[in-house]
Amino acid sequence: MAKFERHIFVCGNVRPAGHPRGCCDPGGQAELQKRFKQKLAELGLKGKVRANQSGCLDQCEHGPNVVIYPEAVWYGGVTLADVDEIVTSHVIAGQPVERLMLKDACLNTPTCEHRHKS
């Protein structure tokens, strides 16, 4: 089997309603990941691009979160309405969707302005 050209990880972490860090998949139905898979199949990209449900990506304050490799582009606040744009702009045309990208200063750092202060 050939390697995937891109790999999309969609956070599927579920937290209780009202949790201070938020929740990427409040309904626990993986709707975002399913929409990515559907769009990829519609465009004939199945086998070239993979969309996986992941565990917590630890960027909860920015959720729902998606990360695309090999570029390691992180997206936050992704909705079902954003999937088509991410696939056509980033996956097909190679242009990340800047309005959804997480700032480097917010990735994996306790100093992110959005992180809940305990």
C-alpha atoms as a PDB file:
ATOM      1  CA  MET A   1       0.000   0.000   0.000  1.00  0.00           C
ATOM      2  CA  ALA A   2       1.277   3.447  -0.892  1.00  0.00           C
ATOM      3  CA  LYS A   3       1.839   6.044   1.802  1.00  0.00           C
ATOM      4  CA  PHE A   4      -0.850   8.619   2.441  1.00  0.00           C
ATOM      5  CA  GLU A   5      -0.082  12.051   0.989  1.00  0.00           C
ATOM      6  CA  ARG A   6      -1.688  13.711   3.996  1.00  0.00           C
ATOM      7  CA  HIS A   7      -3.089  12.557   7.289  1.00  0.00           C
ATOM      8  CA  ILE A   8      -5.897  14.467   9.010  1.00  0.00           C
ATOM      9  CA  PHE A   9      -6.382  13.944  12.740  1.00  0.00           C
ATOM     10  CA  VAL A  10      -9.703  15.123  14.160  1.00  0.00           C
ATOM     11  CA  CYS A  11      -9.934  15.400  17.935  1.00  0.00           C
ATOM     12  CA  GLY A  12     -12.726  13.234  19.276  1.00  0.00           C
ATOM     13  CA  ASN A  13     -12.275  13.973  22.961  1.00  0.00           C
ATOM     14  CA  VAL A  14     -15.503  14.205  24.939  1.00  0.00           C
ATOM     15  CA  ARG A  15     -15.730  16.165  28.193  1.00  0.00           C
ATOM     16  CA  PRO A  16     -18.730  16.914  30.391  1.00  0.00           C
ATOM     17  CA  ALA A  17     -20.818  19.965  29.494  1.00  0.00           C
ATOM     18  CA  GLY A  18     -19.427  23.121  31.066  1.00  0.00           C
ATOM     19  CA  HIS A  19     -15.885  21.788  31.469  1.00  0.00           C
ATOM     20  CA  PRO A  20     -13.535  24.803  31.686  1.00  0.00           C
ATOM     21  CA  ARG A  21     -11.267  23.511  28.906  1.00  0.00           C
ATOM     22  CA  GLY A  22     -14.088  22.851  26.468  1.00  0.00           C
ATOM     23  CA  CYS A  23     -14.800  19.775  24.384  1.00  0.00           C
ATOM     24  CA  CYS A  24     -13.994  18.912  20.763  1.00  0.00           C
ATOM     25  CA  ASP A  25     -16.804  16.386  20.248  1.00  0.00           C
ATOM     26  CA  PRO A  26     -19.613  17.245  22.682  1.00  0.00           C
ATOM     27  CA  GLY A  27     -22.082  14.848  21.060  1.00  0.00           C
ATOM     28  CA  GLY A  28     -19.567  12.002  20.908  1.00  0.00           C
ATOM     29  CA  GLN A  29     -20.715  11.210  17.364  1.00  0.00           C
ATOM     30  CA  ALA A  30     -17.490  11.956  15.426  1.00  0.00           C
ATOM     31  CA  GLU A  31     -19.498  14.092  12.981  1.00  0.00           C
ATOM     32  CA  LEU A  32     -16.484  16.221  12.004  1.00  0.00           C
ATOM     33  CA  GLN A  33     -14.304  13.217  11.203  1.00  0.00           C
ATOM     34  CA  LYS A  34     -17.152  11.572   9.287  1.00  0.00           C
ATOM     35  CA  ARG A  35     -17.604  14.729   7.193  1.00  0.00           C
ATOM     36  CA  PHE A  36     -13.883  14.796   6.332  1.00  0.00           C
ATOM     37  CA  LYS A  37     -14.053  11.142   5.251  1.00  0.00           C
ATOM     38  CA  GLN A  38     -17.171  11.825   3.178  1.00  0.00           C
ATOM     39  CA  LYS A  39     -15.602  14.826   1.428  1.00  0.00           C
ATOM     40  CA  LEU A  40     -12.373  12.946   0.713  1.00  0.00           C
ATOM     41  CA  ALA A  41     -14.346  10.041  -0.791  1.00  0.00           C
ATOM     42  CA  GLU A  42     -16.463  12.425  -2.902  1.00  0.00           C
ATOM     43  CA  LEU A  43     -13.289  13.890  -4.378  1.00  0.00           C
ATOM     44  CA  GLY A  44     -11.638  10.540  -5.060  1.00  0.00           C
ATOM     45  CA  LEU A  45      -8.983  11.033  -2.385  1.00  0.00           C
ATOM     46  CA  LYS A  46      -9.680   7.840  -0.440  1.00  0.00           C
ATOM     47  CA  GLY A  47      -6.387   5.980  -0.163  1.00  0.00           C
ATOM     48  CA  LYS A  48      -4.398   9.177  -0.748  1.00  0.00           C
ATOM     49  CA  VAL A  49      -5.555  11.183   2.283  1.00  0.00           C
ATOM     50  CA  ARG A  50      -6.665   9.666   5.572  1.00  0.00           C
ATOM     51  CA  ALA A  51      -8.987  11.291   8.131  1.00  0.00           C
ATOM     52  CA  ASN A  52      -8.717   9.683  11.561  1.00  0.00           C
ATOM     53  CA  GLN A  53     -10.537  10.322  14.800  1.00  0.00           C
ATOM     54  CA  SER A  54      -7.910  10.971  17.457  1.00  0.00           C
ATOM     55  CA  GLY A  55      -7.857  11.149  21.189  1.00  0.00           C
ATOM     56  CA  CYS A  56      -7.282  14.447  22.944  1.00  0.00           C
ATOM     57  CA  LEU A  57      -4.873  16.732  21.084  1.00  0.00           C
ATOM     58  CA  ASP A  58      -4.502  18.870  24.259  1.00  0.00           C
ATOM     59  CA  GLN A  59      -5.575  22.093  22.585  1.00  0.00           C
ATOM     60  CA  CYS A  60      -9.025  21.958  24.168  1.00  0.00           C
ATOM     61  CA  GLU A  61      -9.496  25.720  24.476  1.00  0.00           C
ATOM     62  CA  HIS A  62      -9.292  26.001  20.694  1.00  0.00           C
ATOM     63  CA  GLY A  63     -11.586  23.118  19.821  1.00  0.00           C
ATOM     64  CA  PRO A  64     -12.813  21.440  17.848  1.00  0.00           C
ATOM     65  CA  ASN A  65      -9.262  20.793  16.691  1.00  0.00           C
ATOM     66  CA  VAL A  66      -7.827  19.270  13.535  1.00  0.00           C
ATOM     67  CA  VAL A  67      -4.171  18.762  12.614  1.00  0.00           C
ATOM     68  CA  ILE A  68      -2.932  17.880   9.133  1.00  0.00           C
ATOM     69  CA  TYR A  69       0.367  16.133   8.478  1.00  0.00           C
ATOM     70  CA  PRO A  70       2.982  16.130   7.056  1.00  0.00           C
ATOM     71  CA  GLU A  71       2.738  19.942   7.265  1.00  0.00           C
ATOM     72  CA  ALA A  72       1.736  19.886  10.969  1.00  0.00           C
ATOM     73  CA  VAL A  73      -0.866  22.597  10.405  1.00  0.00           C
ATOM     74  CA  TRP A  74      -3.165  22.943  13.410  1.00  0.00           C
ATOM     75  CA  TYR A  75      -6.708  24.235  13.065  1.00  0.00           C
ATOM     76  CA  GLY A  76      -9.047  25.316  15.853  1.00  0.00           C
ATOM     77  CA  GLY A  77     -12.726  26.088  16.081  1.00  0.00           C
ATOM     78  CA  VAL A  78     -13.396  23.833  13.100  1.00  0.00           C
ATOM     79  CA  THR A  79     -17.051  23.306  12.177  1.00  0.00           C
ATOM     80  CA  LEU A  80     -18.777  21.056   9.681  1.00  0.00           C
ATOM     81  CA  ALA A  81     -19.095  24.131   7.442  1.00  0.00           C
ATOM     82  CA  ASP A  82     -15.270  24.471   7.360  1.00  0.00           C
ATOM     83  CA  VAL A  83     -14.525  20.965   6.096  1.00  0.00           C
ATOM     84  CA  ASP A  84     -15.036  21.676   2.388  1.00  0.00           C
ATOM     85  CA  GLU A  85     -12.746  24.728   2.549  1.00  0.00           C
ATOM     86  CA  ILE A  86     -10.018  22.854   4.426  1.00  0.00           C
ATOM     87  CA  VAL A  87     -10.104  19.987   1.941  1.00  0.00           C
ATOM     88  CA  THR A  88     -10.207  22.110  -1.218  1.00  0.00           C
ATOM     89  CA  SER A  89      -7.783  24.798  -0.052  1.00  0.00           C
ATOM     90  CA  HIS A  90      -5.291  22.855   2.073  1.00  0.00           C
ATOM     91  CA  VAL A  91      -5.500  19.214   1.047  1.00  0.00           C
ATOM     92  CA  ILE A  92      -5.958  19.761  -2.696  1.00  0.00           C
ATOM     93  CA  ALA A  93      -4.365  23.168  -3.369  1.00  0.00           C
ATOM     94  CA  GLY A  94      -1.722  23.130  -0.614  1.00  0.00           C
ATOM     95  CA  GLN A  95      -2.890  26.455   0.867  1.00  0.00           C
ATOM     96  CA  PRO A  96      -3.703  26.237   4.596  1.00  0.00           C
ATOM     97  CA  VAL A  97      -6.838  28.054   5.737  1.00  0.00           C
ATOM     98  CA  GLU A  98      -5.258  30.891   7.704  1.00  0.00           C
ATOM     99  CA  ARG A  99      -8.405  32.065   9.481  1.00  0.00           C
ATOM    100  CA  LEU A 100      -8.636  28.684  11.248  1.00  0.00           C
ATOM    101  CA  MET A 101      -4.957  28.102  11.960  1.00  0.00           C
ATOM    102  CA  LEU A 102      -3.808  28.045  15.575  1.00  0.00           C
ATOM    103  CA  LYS A 103      -0.983  30.418  16.412  1.00  0.00           C
ATOM    104  CA  ASP A 104       2.346  28.750  17.155  1.00  0.00           C
ATOM    105  CA  ALA A 105       2.358  30.621  20.484  1.00  0.00           C
ATOM    106  CA  CYS A 106      -0.755  28.675  21.502  1.00  0.00           C
ATOM    107  CA  LEU A 107       0.464  25.181  20.662  1.00  0.00           C
ATOM    108  CA  ASN A 108       1.602  23.015  23.556  1.00  0.00           C
ATOM    109  CA  THR A 109       2.337  25.904  25.862  1.00  0.00           C
ATOM    110  CA  PRO A 110       0.867  26.808  29.244  1.00  0.00           C
ATOM    111  CA  THR A 111       1.241  30.494  28.386  1.00  0.00           C
ATOM    112  CA  CYS A 112      -1.403  30.498  25.644  1.00  0.00           C
ATOM    113  CA  GLU A 113      -3.832  33.377  26.228  1.00  0.00           C
ATOM    114  CA  HIS A 114      -6.750  30.957  25.778  1.00  0.00           C
ATOM    115  CA  ARG A 115      -5.641  28.324  28.282  1.00  0.00           C
ATOM    116  CA  HIS A 116      -7.765  28.064  31.408  1.00  0.00           C
ATOM    117  CA  LYS A 117      -5.826  29.254  34.429  1.00  0.00           C
ATOM    118  CA  SER A 118      -6.287  26.871  37.362  1.00  0.00           C
END
